[in-house]
N, C-alpha and C. Protein backbone atom coordinates (compact mmCIF):
# COMPACT_ATOMS: atom_id res chain seq x y z
N MET A 1 72.21 163.61 -80.69
CA MET A 1 73.32 163.37 -79.79
C MET A 1 73.73 164.70 -79.15
N SER A 2 74.10 164.63 -77.92
CA SER A 2 74.55 165.78 -77.16
C SER A 2 75.84 166.36 -77.74
N ALA A 3 76.07 167.64 -77.53
CA ALA A 3 77.32 168.28 -77.98
C ALA A 3 78.50 167.82 -77.14
N ILE A 4 78.24 167.31 -75.94
CA ILE A 4 79.29 166.77 -75.07
C ILE A 4 78.89 165.35 -74.69
N THR A 5 79.77 164.39 -74.99
CA THR A 5 79.51 162.99 -74.69
C THR A 5 80.73 162.37 -74.02
N THR A 6 80.53 161.20 -73.42
CA THR A 6 81.64 160.49 -72.81
C THR A 6 81.44 158.99 -72.96
N HIS A 7 82.51 158.25 -72.76
CA HIS A 7 82.49 156.80 -72.82
C HIS A 7 83.53 156.32 -71.81
N ILE A 8 83.12 155.47 -70.88
CA ILE A 8 84.04 155.01 -69.84
C ILE A 8 84.28 153.51 -70.01
N LEU A 9 85.55 153.15 -70.09
CA LEU A 9 85.94 151.75 -70.15
C LEU A 9 86.72 151.41 -68.89
N ASP A 10 86.31 150.35 -68.22
CA ASP A 10 87.03 149.84 -67.05
C ASP A 10 88.12 148.92 -67.59
N VAL A 11 89.34 149.45 -67.70
CA VAL A 11 90.42 148.68 -68.31
C VAL A 11 90.90 147.55 -67.40
N SER A 12 90.61 147.63 -66.11
CA SER A 12 91.01 146.54 -65.20
C SER A 12 90.11 145.32 -65.37
N ALA A 13 88.86 145.54 -65.78
CA ALA A 13 87.91 144.44 -65.98
C ALA A 13 87.72 144.11 -67.46
N GLY A 14 88.19 145.00 -68.32
CA GLY A 14 88.04 144.77 -69.75
C GLY A 14 86.62 144.92 -70.24
N CYS A 15 85.89 145.87 -69.65
CA CYS A 15 84.49 146.04 -70.05
C CYS A 15 84.06 147.50 -69.87
N PRO A 16 82.90 147.86 -70.42
CA PRO A 16 82.38 149.21 -70.21
C PRO A 16 82.05 149.42 -68.73
N ALA A 17 82.20 150.65 -68.28
CA ALA A 17 81.83 151.00 -66.91
C ALA A 17 80.37 151.46 -66.92
N ARG A 18 79.49 150.58 -66.50
CA ARG A 18 78.05 150.83 -66.54
C ARG A 18 77.59 151.56 -65.28
N GLY A 19 76.64 152.47 -65.47
CA GLY A 19 75.99 153.12 -64.34
C GLY A 19 76.83 154.13 -63.58
N VAL A 20 77.88 154.66 -64.20
CA VAL A 20 78.70 155.67 -63.53
C VAL A 20 78.00 157.02 -63.61
N SER A 21 77.81 157.66 -62.46
CA SER A 21 77.20 158.99 -62.42
C SER A 21 78.21 160.02 -62.91
N VAL A 22 77.72 160.93 -63.76
CA VAL A 22 78.57 161.96 -64.35
C VAL A 22 77.87 163.31 -64.18
N THR A 23 78.64 164.31 -63.76
CA THR A 23 78.12 165.67 -63.61
C THR A 23 78.88 166.58 -64.57
N LEU A 24 78.14 167.39 -65.32
CA LEU A 24 78.74 168.38 -66.22
C LEU A 24 78.53 169.76 -65.62
N GLU A 25 79.62 170.51 -65.51
CA GLU A 25 79.56 171.87 -64.98
C GLU A 25 80.19 172.84 -65.97
N GLN A 26 79.71 174.09 -65.91
CA GLN A 26 80.28 175.16 -66.71
C GLN A 26 80.81 176.23 -65.76
N GLN A 27 81.98 176.77 -66.07
CA GLN A 27 82.55 177.82 -65.23
C GLN A 27 81.88 179.14 -65.56
N THR A 28 81.44 179.83 -64.51
CA THR A 28 80.82 181.15 -64.66
C THR A 28 81.68 182.17 -63.92
N THR A 29 81.24 183.39 -63.91
CA THR A 29 81.99 184.44 -63.20
C THR A 29 81.95 184.24 -61.69
N THR A 30 81.01 183.44 -61.21
CA THR A 30 80.89 183.21 -59.76
C THR A 30 81.33 181.82 -59.33
N GLY A 31 81.83 181.02 -60.25
CA GLY A 31 82.27 179.66 -59.90
C GLY A 31 81.77 178.65 -60.90
N TRP A 32 81.62 177.40 -60.45
CA TRP A 32 81.17 176.31 -61.32
C TRP A 32 79.67 176.10 -61.12
N GLU A 33 78.94 176.00 -62.23
CA GLU A 33 77.50 175.78 -62.20
C GLU A 33 77.17 174.44 -62.84
N ILE A 34 76.41 173.61 -62.12
CA ILE A 34 75.98 172.32 -62.67
C ILE A 34 74.96 172.58 -63.77
N ILE A 35 75.23 172.01 -64.94
CA ILE A 35 74.28 172.18 -66.04
C ILE A 35 73.62 170.87 -66.45
N SER A 36 74.19 169.75 -66.00
CA SER A 36 73.59 168.47 -66.35
C SER A 36 74.16 167.34 -65.49
N ARG A 37 73.34 166.30 -65.34
CA ARG A 37 73.78 165.07 -64.67
C ARG A 37 73.23 163.89 -65.45
N GLY A 38 73.97 162.80 -65.39
CA GLY A 38 73.51 161.59 -66.07
C GLY A 38 74.31 160.40 -65.60
N ALA A 39 74.07 159.25 -66.21
CA ALA A 39 74.80 158.03 -65.88
C ALA A 39 75.07 157.26 -67.17
N THR A 40 76.18 156.54 -67.17
CA THR A 40 76.54 155.77 -68.35
C THR A 40 75.58 154.60 -68.55
N ASP A 41 75.40 154.23 -69.81
CA ASP A 41 74.50 153.13 -70.16
C ASP A 41 75.24 151.79 -70.11
N GLU A 42 74.61 150.74 -70.62
CA GLU A 42 75.19 149.40 -70.59
C GLU A 42 76.51 149.30 -71.35
N ASP A 43 76.70 150.21 -72.31
CA ASP A 43 77.93 150.23 -73.10
C ASP A 43 78.95 151.22 -72.53
N GLY A 44 78.67 151.77 -71.34
CA GLY A 44 79.58 152.73 -70.72
C GLY A 44 79.52 154.11 -71.34
N ARG A 45 78.49 154.37 -72.13
CA ARG A 45 78.38 155.66 -72.83
C ARG A 45 77.32 156.56 -72.20
N LEU A 46 77.57 157.84 -72.34
CA LEU A 46 76.59 158.85 -71.96
C LEU A 46 76.45 159.78 -73.16
N ARG A 47 75.37 159.56 -73.92
CA ARG A 47 75.17 160.26 -75.19
C ARG A 47 74.29 161.49 -75.07
N ASP A 48 73.55 161.58 -73.98
CA ASP A 48 72.55 162.65 -73.86
C ASP A 48 72.79 163.54 -72.65
N LEU A 49 74.04 163.91 -72.44
CA LEU A 49 74.38 164.75 -71.29
C LEU A 49 73.73 166.13 -71.40
N LEU A 50 73.69 166.65 -72.60
CA LEU A 50 72.99 167.92 -72.85
C LEU A 50 71.76 167.64 -73.70
N ASP A 51 70.70 168.33 -73.42
CA ASP A 51 69.50 168.24 -74.23
C ASP A 51 69.86 168.61 -75.67
N SER A 52 69.24 167.96 -76.63
CA SER A 52 69.57 168.22 -78.04
C SER A 52 69.28 169.66 -78.45
N LYS A 53 68.43 170.34 -77.70
CA LYS A 53 68.11 171.74 -78.00
C LYS A 53 69.03 172.72 -77.27
N ALA A 54 69.86 172.21 -76.38
CA ALA A 54 70.76 173.07 -75.62
C ALA A 54 71.80 173.69 -76.54
N ILE A 55 72.10 174.94 -76.29
CA ILE A 55 73.10 175.65 -77.09
C ILE A 55 74.39 175.70 -76.29
N LEU A 56 75.41 175.04 -76.81
CA LEU A 56 76.71 175.02 -76.16
C LEU A 56 77.36 176.39 -76.32
N GLN A 57 77.98 176.87 -75.27
CA GLN A 57 78.67 178.15 -75.29
C GLN A 57 80.17 177.92 -75.17
N THR A 58 80.95 178.87 -75.65
CA THR A 58 82.39 178.78 -75.43
C THR A 58 82.66 178.96 -73.95
N GLY A 59 83.78 178.42 -73.49
CA GLY A 59 84.15 178.57 -72.08
C GLY A 59 84.72 177.29 -71.52
N ASN A 60 84.89 177.29 -70.21
CA ASN A 60 85.46 176.14 -69.51
C ASN A 60 84.36 175.26 -68.94
N TYR A 61 84.56 173.96 -69.09
CA TYR A 61 83.63 172.96 -68.60
C TYR A 61 84.41 171.91 -67.82
N ARG A 62 83.69 171.15 -67.01
CA ARG A 62 84.32 170.00 -66.37
C ARG A 62 83.30 168.89 -66.19
N LEU A 63 83.81 167.68 -66.35
CA LEU A 63 83.04 166.46 -66.11
C LEU A 63 83.59 165.83 -64.84
N THR A 64 82.69 165.45 -63.93
CA THR A 64 83.10 164.75 -62.72
C THR A 64 82.44 163.38 -62.73
N PHE A 65 83.28 162.35 -62.63
CA PHE A 65 82.84 160.96 -62.68
C PHE A 65 82.87 160.39 -61.26
N ASP A 66 81.77 159.82 -60.80
CA ASP A 66 81.68 159.23 -59.46
C ASP A 66 82.25 157.81 -59.49
N THR A 67 83.56 157.72 -59.39
CA THR A 67 84.24 156.42 -59.48
C THR A 67 84.15 155.63 -58.18
N GLU A 68 84.01 156.32 -57.05
CA GLU A 68 83.92 155.62 -55.77
C GLU A 68 82.71 154.69 -55.73
N THR A 69 81.55 155.21 -56.10
CA THR A 69 80.34 154.39 -56.09
C THR A 69 80.47 153.24 -57.08
N TYR A 70 81.02 153.51 -58.25
CA TYR A 70 81.20 152.46 -59.26
C TYR A 70 82.05 151.32 -58.71
N PHE A 71 83.22 151.63 -58.17
CA PHE A 71 84.10 150.57 -57.68
C PHE A 71 83.53 149.88 -56.43
N THR A 72 82.84 150.61 -55.58
CA THR A 72 82.20 150.00 -54.41
C THR A 72 81.18 148.96 -54.86
N GLN A 73 80.41 149.28 -55.90
CA GLN A 73 79.43 148.32 -56.42
C GLN A 73 80.10 147.09 -57.02
N GLN A 74 81.33 147.24 -57.48
CA GLN A 74 82.08 146.11 -58.02
C GLN A 74 82.84 145.36 -56.92
N GLN A 75 82.68 145.82 -55.69
CA GLN A 75 83.39 145.28 -54.52
C GLN A 75 84.91 145.37 -54.71
N ILE A 76 85.32 146.53 -55.21
CA ILE A 76 86.73 146.83 -55.43
C ILE A 76 87.07 148.11 -54.69
N GLU A 77 88.21 148.11 -54.02
CA GLU A 77 88.66 149.32 -53.35
C GLU A 77 89.48 150.14 -54.33
N GLY A 78 89.01 151.33 -54.63
CA GLY A 78 89.72 152.21 -55.55
C GLY A 78 90.45 153.32 -54.81
N PHE A 79 91.30 154.01 -55.51
CA PHE A 79 92.09 155.09 -54.92
C PHE A 79 91.46 156.46 -55.13
N TYR A 80 90.84 156.67 -56.28
CA TYR A 80 90.25 157.96 -56.63
C TYR A 80 88.73 157.92 -56.41
N PRO A 81 88.20 158.69 -55.46
CA PRO A 81 86.75 158.68 -55.25
C PRO A 81 85.98 159.32 -56.41
N GLN A 82 86.64 160.21 -57.10
CA GLN A 82 86.05 160.80 -58.29
C GLN A 82 87.18 161.24 -59.22
N VAL A 83 86.82 161.33 -60.48
CA VAL A 83 87.75 161.83 -61.50
C VAL A 83 87.11 163.06 -62.10
N THR A 84 87.86 164.16 -62.12
CA THR A 84 87.37 165.40 -62.71
C THR A 84 88.24 165.76 -63.90
N VAL A 85 87.58 166.01 -65.02
CA VAL A 85 88.27 166.37 -66.25
C VAL A 85 87.75 167.73 -66.69
N ALA A 86 88.63 168.73 -66.67
CA ALA A 86 88.27 170.08 -67.11
C ALA A 86 88.77 170.28 -68.53
N PHE A 87 87.98 171.00 -69.33
CA PHE A 87 88.36 171.25 -70.72
C PHE A 87 87.75 172.57 -71.19
N THR A 88 88.29 173.09 -72.28
CA THR A 88 87.85 174.37 -72.82
C THR A 88 87.16 174.17 -74.17
N VAL A 89 86.00 174.79 -74.30
CA VAL A 89 85.27 174.81 -75.57
C VAL A 89 85.57 176.15 -76.22
N ARG A 90 86.28 176.10 -77.34
CA ARG A 90 86.61 177.32 -78.08
C ARG A 90 85.70 177.51 -79.30
N ASP A 91 85.22 176.40 -79.84
CA ASP A 91 84.32 176.43 -80.99
C ASP A 91 83.07 175.64 -80.61
N ALA A 92 82.04 176.35 -80.24
CA ALA A 92 80.82 175.72 -79.72
C ALA A 92 80.06 174.93 -80.78
N ALA A 93 80.44 175.04 -82.04
CA ALA A 93 79.77 174.28 -83.10
C ALA A 93 80.29 172.85 -83.18
N GLN A 94 81.40 172.56 -82.53
CA GLN A 94 81.99 171.23 -82.59
C GLN A 94 81.33 170.28 -81.58
N HIS A 95 81.59 169.00 -81.79
CA HIS A 95 81.18 167.95 -80.84
C HIS A 95 82.37 167.65 -79.95
N PHE A 96 82.14 167.48 -78.66
CA PHE A 96 83.21 167.20 -77.70
C PHE A 96 82.96 165.86 -77.04
N HIS A 97 83.82 164.90 -77.37
CA HIS A 97 83.73 163.56 -76.80
C HIS A 97 84.92 163.38 -75.87
N VAL A 98 84.64 163.05 -74.61
CA VAL A 98 85.68 162.95 -73.58
C VAL A 98 85.67 161.54 -72.99
N PRO A 99 86.42 160.60 -73.59
CA PRO A 99 86.48 159.24 -73.06
C PRO A 99 87.31 159.18 -71.78
N LEU A 100 87.01 158.18 -70.96
CA LEU A 100 87.76 157.93 -69.73
C LEU A 100 88.11 156.45 -69.67
N LEU A 101 89.40 156.17 -69.59
CA LEU A 101 89.88 154.80 -69.37
C LEU A 101 90.19 154.70 -67.89
N LEU A 102 89.55 153.75 -67.22
CA LEU A 102 89.52 153.74 -65.76
C LEU A 102 90.00 152.42 -65.18
N SER A 103 90.73 152.52 -64.08
CA SER A 103 91.08 151.35 -63.27
C SER A 103 91.07 151.81 -61.82
N PRO A 104 91.12 150.90 -60.85
CA PRO A 104 91.04 151.33 -59.45
C PRO A 104 92.16 152.27 -59.01
N PHE A 105 93.32 152.21 -59.67
CA PHE A 105 94.45 153.01 -59.22
C PHE A 105 95.01 153.93 -60.30
N GLY A 106 94.24 154.18 -61.33
CA GLY A 106 94.69 155.08 -62.37
C GLY A 106 93.60 155.36 -63.38
N TYR A 107 93.83 156.39 -64.18
CA TYR A 107 92.89 156.72 -65.25
C TYR A 107 93.62 157.51 -66.33
N SER A 108 93.01 157.54 -67.50
CA SER A 108 93.54 158.29 -68.62
C SER A 108 92.36 158.85 -69.39
N THR A 109 92.56 160.01 -69.97
CA THR A 109 91.50 160.63 -70.77
C THR A 109 92.13 161.34 -71.96
N TYR A 110 91.30 161.65 -72.92
CA TYR A 110 91.76 162.33 -74.12
C TYR A 110 90.55 162.91 -74.83
N ARG A 111 90.79 163.77 -75.80
CA ARG A 111 89.67 164.27 -76.59
C ARG A 111 89.42 163.29 -77.72
N GLY A 112 88.26 162.71 -77.71
CA GLY A 112 87.89 161.75 -78.74
C GLY A 112 87.18 162.42 -79.89
N SER A 113 86.55 161.61 -80.71
CA SER A 113 85.83 162.15 -81.86
C SER A 113 84.42 161.59 -81.92
């Protein structure tokens, strides 16, 4: 399992958000660098965002979720074209799970386990 994972639930539909594109970036001295891309599976999970051999470093990261494409495919007009969640890794030995609860006009996130 990747050191950084996510799980998206579409709370307006009461189901996992399948096929949502997710981009993981790390902040560097020159800006944000894309380190991985993926999409959620049938259960709304993205378990392999980082290669299992990748070494997580301390620092700032952000996940960007392509919610516009997801809601367009559901034939729903949403308000947020994307959701970006920035977070800090202070202990690179830990696992970081970042769930997203999503609806067309709102979202919530937290550090999961």
